[in-house]
PDB file of N, CA and C in Angstrom:
ATOM      1  N   MET A   1     144.505 175.865  39.276  1.00  0.00           N
ATOM      2  CA  MET A   1     144.230 175.021  38.539  1.00  0.00           C
ATOM      3  C   MET A   1     143.783 173.265  39.188  1.00  0.00           C
ATOM      4  N   ARG A   2     142.945 172.538  38.738  1.00  0.00           N
ATOM      5  CA  ARG A   2     142.475 171.430  38.848  1.00  0.00           C
ATOM      6  C   ARG A   2     143.475 170.478  38.516  1.00  0.00           C
ATOM      7  N   SER A   3     143.550 169.233  39.065  1.00  0.00           N
ATOM      8  CA  SER A   3     144.416 168.243  38.645  1.00  0.00           C
ATOM      9  C   SER A   3     143.229 167.526  38.025  1.00  0.00           C
ATOM     10  N   VAL A   4     144.142 166.422  37.285  1.00  0.00           N
ATOM     11  CA  VAL A   4     142.923 165.513  36.337  1.00  0.00           C
ATOM     12  C   VAL A   4     142.116 164.776  37.229  1.00  0.00           C
ATOM     13  N   LEU A   5     143.476 164.019  38.640  1.00  0.00           N
ATOM     14  CA  LEU A   5     142.298 163.593  39.123  1.00  0.00           C
ATOM     15  C   LEU A   5     141.214 164.070  39.799  1.00  0.00           C
ATOM     16  N   GLU A   6     141.367 165.319  40.848  1.00  0.00           N
ATOM     17  CA  GLU A   6     140.486 166.048  41.165  1.00  0.00           C
ATOM     18  C   GLU A   6     139.404 166.532  40.136  1.00  0.00           C
ATOM     19  N   SER A   7     139.333 166.354  39.039  1.00  0.00           N
ATOM     20  CA  SER A   7     137.987 167.028  37.424  1.00  0.00           C
ATOM     21  C   SER A   7     138.297 165.382  37.198  1.00  0.00           C
ATOM     22  N   ARG A   8     138.151 163.780  37.384  1.00  0.00           N
ATOM     23  CA  ARG A   8     137.837 162.821  37.255  1.00  0.00           C
ATOM     24  C   ARG A   8     136.639 162.821  38.109  1.00  0.00           C
ATOM     25  N   ARG A   9     136.960 162.769  39.144  1.00  0.00           N
ATOM     26  CA  ARG A   9     136.157 162.575  40.679  1.00  0.00           C
ATOM     27  C   ARG A   9     135.207 163.164  41.116  1.00  0.00           C
ATOM     28  N   LEU A  10     135.029 164.561  40.321  1.00  0.00           N
ATOM     29  CA  LEU A  10     134.151 166.172  40.731  1.00  0.00           C
ATOM     30  C   LEU A  10     133.090 165.311  39.549  1.00  0.00           C
ATOM     31  N   ALA A  11     133.499 165.007  38.322  1.00  0.00           N
ATOM     32  CA  ALA A  11     133.183 164.030  37.130  1.00  0.00           C
ATOM     33  C   ALA A  11     132.084 163.271  37.479  1.00  0.00           C
ATOM     34  N   ALA A  12     132.532 162.041  38.162  1.00  0.00           N
ATOM     35  CA  ALA A  12     132.247 161.024  38.576  1.00  0.00           C
ATOM     36  C   ALA A  12     130.974 161.000  39.712  1.00  0.00           C
ATOM     37  N   PHE A  13     130.864 162.387  40.389  1.00  0.00           N
ATOM     38  CA  PHE A  13     130.056 162.553  41.689  1.00  0.00           C
ATOM     39  C   PHE A  13     129.049 163.744  41.285  1.00  0.00           C
ATOM     40  N   ARG A  14     129.405 164.691  40.356  1.00  0.00           N
ATOM     41  CA  ARG A  14     128.422 165.376  39.827  1.00  0.00           C
ATOM     42  C   ARG A  14     127.829 165.827  38.877  1.00  0.00           C
ATOM     43  N   ALA A  15     126.691 165.417  38.391  1.00  0.00           N
ATOM     44  CA  ALA A  15     126.625 165.179  37.062  1.00  0.00           C
ATOM     45  C   ALA A  15     126.366 166.885  36.448  1.00  0.00           C
ATOM     46  N   GLU A  16     126.547 168.069  37.404  1.00  0.00           N
ATOM     47  CA  GLU A  16     126.391 169.232  36.082  1.00  0.00           C
ATOM     48  C   GLU A  16     127.711 169.785  35.633  1.00  0.00           C
ATOM     49  N   VAL A  17     128.519 168.765  36.415  1.00  0.00           N
ATOM     50  CA  VAL A  17     130.382 168.776  36.379  1.00  0.00           C
ATOM     51  C   VAL A  17     130.342 167.699  34.970  1.00  0.00           C
ATOM     52  N   THR A  18     129.721 167.161  34.924  1.00  0.00           N
ATOM     53  CA  THR A  18     129.902 166.280  33.456  1.00  0.00           C
ATOM     54  C   THR A  18     129.104 167.026  32.265  1.00  0.00           C
ATOM     55  N   ALA A  19     128.133 166.578  32.579  1.00  0.00           N
ATOM     56  CA  ALA A  19     127.159 167.700  31.656  1.00  0.00           C
ATOM     57  C   ALA A  19     128.376 169.372  31.249  1.00  0.00           C
ATOM     58  N   ALA A  20     129.202 169.448  31.876  1.00  0.00           N
ATOM     59  CA  ALA A  20     129.716 170.456  31.395  1.00  0.00           C
ATOM     60  C   ALA A  20     130.926 170.607  30.925  1.00  0.00           C
ATOM     61  N   MET A  21     131.379 169.617  31.572  1.00  0.00           N
ATOM     62  CA  MET A  21     132.899 168.454  30.520  1.00  0.00           C
ATOM     63  C   MET A  21     131.754 168.249  28.872  1.00  0.00           C
ATOM     64  N   ARG A  22     130.917 167.492  29.542  1.00  0.00           N
ATOM     65  CA  ARG A  22     130.734 166.959  27.679  1.00  0.00           C
ATOM     66  C   ARG A  22     130.226 168.449  26.530  1.00  0.00           C
ATOM     67  N   ARG A  23     129.937 169.289  27.096  1.00  0.00           N
ATOM     68  CA  ARG A  23     129.246 171.058  26.525  1.00  0.00           C
ATOM     69  C   ARG A  23     130.042 171.019  26.007  1.00  0.00           C
ATOM     70  N   ILE A  24     131.563 171.536  26.679  1.00  0.00           N
ATOM     71  CA  ILE A  24     132.457 172.118  26.423  1.00  0.00           C
ATOM     72  C   ILE A  24     133.118 171.283  25.482  1.00  0.00           C
ATOM     73  N   PHE A  25     133.369 169.327  24.663  1.00  0.00           N
ATOM     74  CA  PHE A  25     133.537 168.365  24.318  1.00  0.00           C
ATOM     75  C   PHE A  25     132.813 169.526  22.710  1.00  0.00           C
ATOM     76  N   ILE A  26     131.767 169.338  22.723  1.00  0.00           N
ATOM     77  CA  ILE A  26     130.590 169.692  21.736  1.00  0.00           C
ATOM     78  C   ILE A  26     131.040 170.593  21.545  1.00  0.00           C
ATOM     79  N   ASP A  27     130.710 171.689  21.956  1.00  0.00           N
ATOM     80  CA  ASP A  27     130.928 173.272  22.007  1.00  0.00           C
ATOM     81  C   ASP A  27     132.792 173.447  20.483  1.00  0.00           C
ATOM     82  N   GLU A  28     133.733 172.848  21.541  1.00  0.00           N
ATOM     83  CA  GLU A  28     134.585 172.864  21.101  1.00  0.00           C
ATOM     84  C   GLU A  28     135.239 172.493  19.292  1.00  0.00           C
ATOM     85  N   SER A  29     134.408 171.335  19.684  1.00  0.00           N
ATOM     86  CA  SER A  29     134.600 170.142  17.766  1.00  0.00           C
ATOM     87  C   SER A  29     133.212 171.459  17.205  1.00  0.00           C
ATOM     88  N   ALA A  30     132.355 172.157  17.643  1.00  0.00           N
ATOM     89  CA  ALA A  30     131.996 172.755  16.405  1.00  0.00           C
ATOM     90  C   ALA A  30     132.374 173.594  16.049  1.00  0.00           C
ATOM     91  N   ARG A  31     133.306 174.152  17.037  1.00  0.00           N
ATOM     92  CA  ARG A  31     133.907 175.746  16.818  1.00  0.00           C
ATOM     93  C   ARG A  31     134.910 175.396  15.778  1.00  0.00           C
ATOM     94  N   VAL A  32     135.836 174.334  15.751  1.00  0.00           N
ATOM     95  CA  VAL A  32     136.547 173.878  14.931  1.00  0.00           C
ATOM     96  C   VAL A  32     136.192 173.371  13.464  1.00  0.00           C
ATOM     97  N   GLN A  33     134.983 172.805  13.310  1.00  0.00           N
ATOM     98  CA  GLN A  33     134.413 172.811  11.848  1.00  0.00           C
ATOM     99  C   GLN A  33     133.979 174.099  11.323  1.00  0.00           C
ATOM    100  N   GLU A  34     133.572 174.976  12.079  1.00  0.00           N
ATOM    101  CA  GLU A  34     133.051 176.327  11.887  1.00  0.00           C
ATOM    102  C   GLU A  34     134.321 177.156  11.346  1.00  0.00           C
ATOM    103  N   HIS A  35     135.337 176.910  12.702  1.00  0.00           N
ATOM    104  CA  HIS A  35     136.186 177.710  11.383  1.00  0.00           C
ATOM    105  C   HIS A  35     136.814 177.085   9.825  1.00  0.00           C
ATOM    106  N   ALA A  36     136.657 175.926  10.281  1.00  0.00           N
ATOM    107  CA  ALA A  36     137.493 175.320   8.831  1.00  0.00           C
ATOM    108  C   ALA A  36     136.357 175.593   7.156  1.00  0.00           C
ATOM    109  N   ALA A  37     135.634 176.136   7.471  1.00  0.00           N
ATOM    110  CA  ALA A  37     133.966 176.088   6.909  1.00  0.00           C
ATOM    111  C   ALA A  37     134.103 177.449   6.602  1.00  0.00           C
ATOM    112  N   ALA A  38     134.982 178.629   7.243  1.00  0.00           N
ATOM    113  CA  ALA A  38     135.203 179.801   7.336  1.00  0.00           C
ATOM    114  C   ALA A  38     133.918 180.409   7.310  1.00  0.00           C
ATOM    115  N   THR A  39     132.906 180.320   8.560  1.00  0.00           N
ATOM    116  CA  THR A  39     131.138 180.507   8.815  1.00  0.00           C
ATOM    117  C   THR A  39     131.076 180.640  10.047  1.00  0.00           C
ATOM    118  N   SER A  40     129.973 180.595  10.397  1.00  0.00           N
ATOM    119  CA  SER A  40     129.393 180.736  11.511  1.00  0.00           C
ATOM    120  C   SER A  40     128.403 180.224  11.163  1.00  0.00           C
ATOM    121  N   ASP A  41     127.726 180.713  10.369  1.00  0.00           N
ATOM    122  CA  ASP A  41     125.934 180.189   9.947  1.00  0.00           C
ATOM    123  C   ASP A  41     125.701 178.753   9.858  1.00  0.00           C
ATOM    124  N   ALA A  42     127.155 177.125  10.132  1.00  0.00           N
ATOM    125  CA  ALA A  42     127.187 176.225   9.457  1.00  0.00           C
ATOM    126  C   ALA A  42     126.540 175.727  10.860  1.00  0.00           C
ATOM    127  N   GLN A  43     125.266 174.412  10.511  1.00  0.00           N
ATOM    128  CA  GLN A  43     125.043 173.504  11.426  1.00  0.00           C
ATOM    129  C   GLN A  43     126.298 172.392  11.097  1.00  0.00           C
ATOM    130  N   HIS A  44     126.268 171.672  12.749  1.00  0.00           N
ATOM    131  CA  HIS A  44     126.763 171.377  12.998  1.00  0.00           C
ATOM    132  C   HIS A  44     126.103 169.518  13.849  1.00  0.00           C
ATOM    133  N   ARG A  45     126.662 168.914  12.895  1.00  0.00           N
ATOM    134  CA  ARG A  45     125.641 167.350  13.846  1.00  0.00           C
ATOM    135  C   ARG A  45     126.648 166.389  15.119  1.00  0.00           C
ATOM    136  N   GLU A  46     125.954 166.656  16.044  1.00  0.00           N
ATOM    137  CA  GLU A  46     127.006 165.361  16.883  1.00  0.00           C
ATOM    138  C   GLU A  46     126.597 164.282  17.803  1.00  0.00           C
ATOM    139  N   VAL A  47     126.546 163.122  17.916  1.00  0.00           N
ATOM    140  CA  VAL A  47     125.901 162.122  18.798  1.00  0.00           C
ATOM    141  C   VAL A  47     127.029 161.902  20.281  1.00  0.00           C
ATOM    142  N   THR A  48     126.362 162.199  21.178  1.00  0.00           N
ATOM    143  CA  THR A  48     127.436 161.726  22.137  1.00  0.00           C
ATOM    144  C   THR A  48     126.580 161.047  23.239  1.00  0.00           C
ATOM    145  N   PHE A  49     127.454 159.805  24.222  1.00  0.00           N
ATOM    146  CA  PHE A  49     127.408 159.199  25.349  1.00  0.00           C
ATOM    147  C   PHE A  49     128.433 159.096  26.612  1.00  0.00           C
ATOM    148  N   LEU A  50     128.027 158.618  27.799  1.00  0.00           N
ATOM    149  CA  LEU A  50     129.179 158.459  27.926  1.00  0.00           C
ATOM    150  C   LEU A  50     128.492 157.349  29.087  1.00  0.00           C
ATOM    151  N   GLN A  51     129.818 156.619  29.424  1.00  0.00           N
ATOM    152  CA  GLN A  51     129.695 155.234  29.638  1.00  0.00           C
ATOM    153  C   GLN A  51     130.752 154.970  31.169  1.00  0.00           C
ATOM    154  N   ARG A  52     130.172 154.908  31.520  1.00  0.00           N
ATOM    155  CA  ARG A  52     130.697 154.346  33.013  1.00  0.00           C
ATOM    156  C   ARG A  52     131.215 152.926  33.478  1.00  0.00           C
ATOM    157  N   PHE A  53     132.551 152.886  33.846  1.00  0.00           N
ATOM    158  CA  PHE A  53     133.221 151.842  33.708  1.00  0.00           C
ATOM    159  C   PHE A  53     134.336 151.435  34.807  1.00  0.00           C
ATOM    160  N   GLY A  54     134.541 149.999  35.822  1.00  0.00           N
ATOM    161  CA  GLY A  54     136.024 150.066  36.477  1.00  0.00           C
ATOM    162  C   GLY A  54     135.575 150.098  38.065  1.00  0.00           C
ATOM    163  N   GLY A  55     135.164 148.792  37.978  1.00  0.00           N
ATOM    164  CA  GLY A  55     134.982 148.705  39.367  1.00  0.00           C
ATOM    165  C   GLY A  55     133.750 148.762  40.062  1.00  0.00           C
ATOM    166  N   SER A  56     133.715 148.299  41.119  1.00  0.00           N
ATOM    167  CA  SER A  56     132.204 148.177  41.125  1.00  0.00           C
ATOM    168  C   SER A  56     131.035 149.919  42.016  1.00  0.00           C
ATOM    169  N   LEU A  57     132.117 150.730  41.890  1.00  0.00           N
ATOM    170  CA  LEU A  57     131.742 152.454  41.707  1.00  0.00           C
ATOM    171  C   LEU A  57     131.073 152.573  40.614  1.00  0.00           C
ATOM    172  N   ASN A  58     132.296 152.148  39.424  1.00  0.00           N
ATOM    173  CA  ASN A  58     132.107 153.016  37.936  1.00  0.00           C
ATOM    174  C   ASN A  58     132.203 153.905  38.109  1.00  0.00           C
ATOM    175  N   LEU A  59     133.530 154.701  38.068  1.00  0.00           N
ATOM    176  CA  LEU A  59     134.077 156.324  38.591  1.00  0.00           C
ATOM    177  C   LEU A  59     134.937 155.894  37.297  1.00  0.00           C
ATOM    178  N   ASN A  60     134.793 155.894  36.215  1.00  0.00           N
ATOM    179  CA  ASN A  60     135.538 156.343  35.375  1.00  0.00           C
ATOM    180  C   ASN A  60     134.647 156.230  34.479  1.00  0.00           C
ATOM    181  N   LEU A  61     134.449 157.410  33.924  1.00  0.00           N
ATOM    182  CA  LEU A  61     134.174 158.026  32.167  1.00  0.00           C
ATOM    183  C   LEU A  61     134.898 157.734  31.678  1.00  0.00           C
ATOM    184  N   GLN A  62     133.978 157.377  30.139  1.00  0.00           N
ATOM    185  CA  GLN A  62     134.020 157.454  29.009  1.00  0.00           C
ATOM    186  C   GLN A  62     133.163 157.860  28.369  1.00  0.00           C
ATOM    187  N   CYS A  63     133.969 158.938  27.098  1.00  0.00           N
ATOM    188  CA  CYS A  63     133.142 160.357  26.055  1.00  0.00           C
ATOM    189  C   CYS A  63     132.791 159.493  25.186  1.00  0.00           C
ATOM    190  N   HIS A  64     131.740 158.451  24.091  1.00  0.00           N
ATOM    191  CA  HIS A  64     131.827 158.189  23.262  1.00  0.00           C
ATOM    192  C   HIS A  64     130.970 158.860  22.534  1.00  0.00           C
ATOM    193  N   ALA A  65     131.155 159.689  20.946  1.00  0.00           N
ATOM    194  CA  ALA A  65     131.085 160.723  20.615  1.00  0.00           C
ATOM    195  C   ALA A  65     131.543 159.801  18.612  1.00  0.00           C
ATOM    196  N   ILE A  66     130.306 160.628  17.913  1.00  0.00           N
ATOM    197  CA  ILE A  66     129.886 160.341  16.366  1.00  0.00           C
ATOM    198  C   ILE A  66     129.826 161.731  15.937  1.00  0.00           C
ATOM    199  N   VAL A  67     131.049 162.244  15.138  1.00  0.00           N
ATOM    200  CA  VAL A  67     130.662 163.424  15.256  1.00  0.00           C
ATOM    201  C   VAL A  67     130.676 163.329  13.260  1.00  0.00           C
ATOM    202  N   SER A  68     130.505 164.114  12.967  1.00  0.00           N
ATOM    203  CA  SER A  68     130.305 164.932  11.223  1.00  0.00           C
ATOM    204  C   SER A  68     131.391 165.216  10.902  1.00  0.00           C
ATOM    205  N   ASP A  69     132.087 164.485   9.206  1.00  0.00           N
ATOM    206  CA  ASP A  69     132.391 165.035   8.745  1.00  0.00           C
ATOM    207  C   ASP A  69     132.513 166.518   7.888  1.00  0.00           C
ATOM    208  N   GLY A  70     132.098 167.315   8.380  1.00  0.00           N
ATOM    209  CA  GLY A  70     131.264 168.466   7.552  1.00  0.00           C
ATOM    210  C   GLY A  70     129.967 169.427   8.566  1.00  0.00           C
ATOM    211  N   VAL A  71     130.308 170.325   7.744  1.00  0.00           N
ATOM    212  CA  VAL A  71     129.065 171.249   8.069  1.00  0.00           C
ATOM    213  C   VAL A  71     127.653 171.416   7.160  1.00  0.00           C
ATOM    214  N   ARG A  72     126.698 172.195   7.514  1.00  0.00           N
ATOM    215  CA  ARG A  72     125.426 171.729   6.643  1.00  0.00           C
ATOM    216  C   ARG A  72     124.940 172.750   6.734  1.00  0.00           C
ATOM    217  N   PHE A  73     124.303 174.107   5.260  1.00  0.00           N
ATOM    218  CA  PHE A  73     124.679 175.048   4.775  1.00  0.00           C
ATOM    219  C   PHE A  73     122.629 175.281   4.346  1.00  0.00           C
ATOM    220  N   GLU A  74     122.558 175.947   5.080  1.00  0.00           N
ATOM    221  CA  GLU A  74     120.681 176.179   4.287  1.00  0.00           C
ATOM    222  C   GLU A  74     121.136 177.234   3.093  1.00  0.00           C
ATOM    223  N   GLU A  75     119.779 176.900   2.451  1.00  0.00           N
ATOM    224  CA  GLU A  75     120.237 177.692   1.451  1.00  0.00           C
ATOM    225  C   GLU A  75     118.899 178.979   0.841  1.00  0.00           C
TER     226      GLU A  75
END
C-alpha cells in the first residue's frame, strides 16, 4: 500500500492519477447520498475543481467541491 506522500507525489506529476482520485471522491459522495435516499435511481449533482499551491512547483493539490445536499428523482 502506498504512503500518503507517495500518493501526493504521483498525483502532482501524473494527470491520470489525479483524475482517478477525483473520480473516487465523486463516486463515493454519490454512493453515500444514494444510500441515504435508499435508491440507486437518484441523480447526484457535484462540481469539483483542483487547485495547486505551495512553492514554485505547486505540487500540493487541494480539491474543492460543491455537493448538493440531496438527490433528484425523475417522475
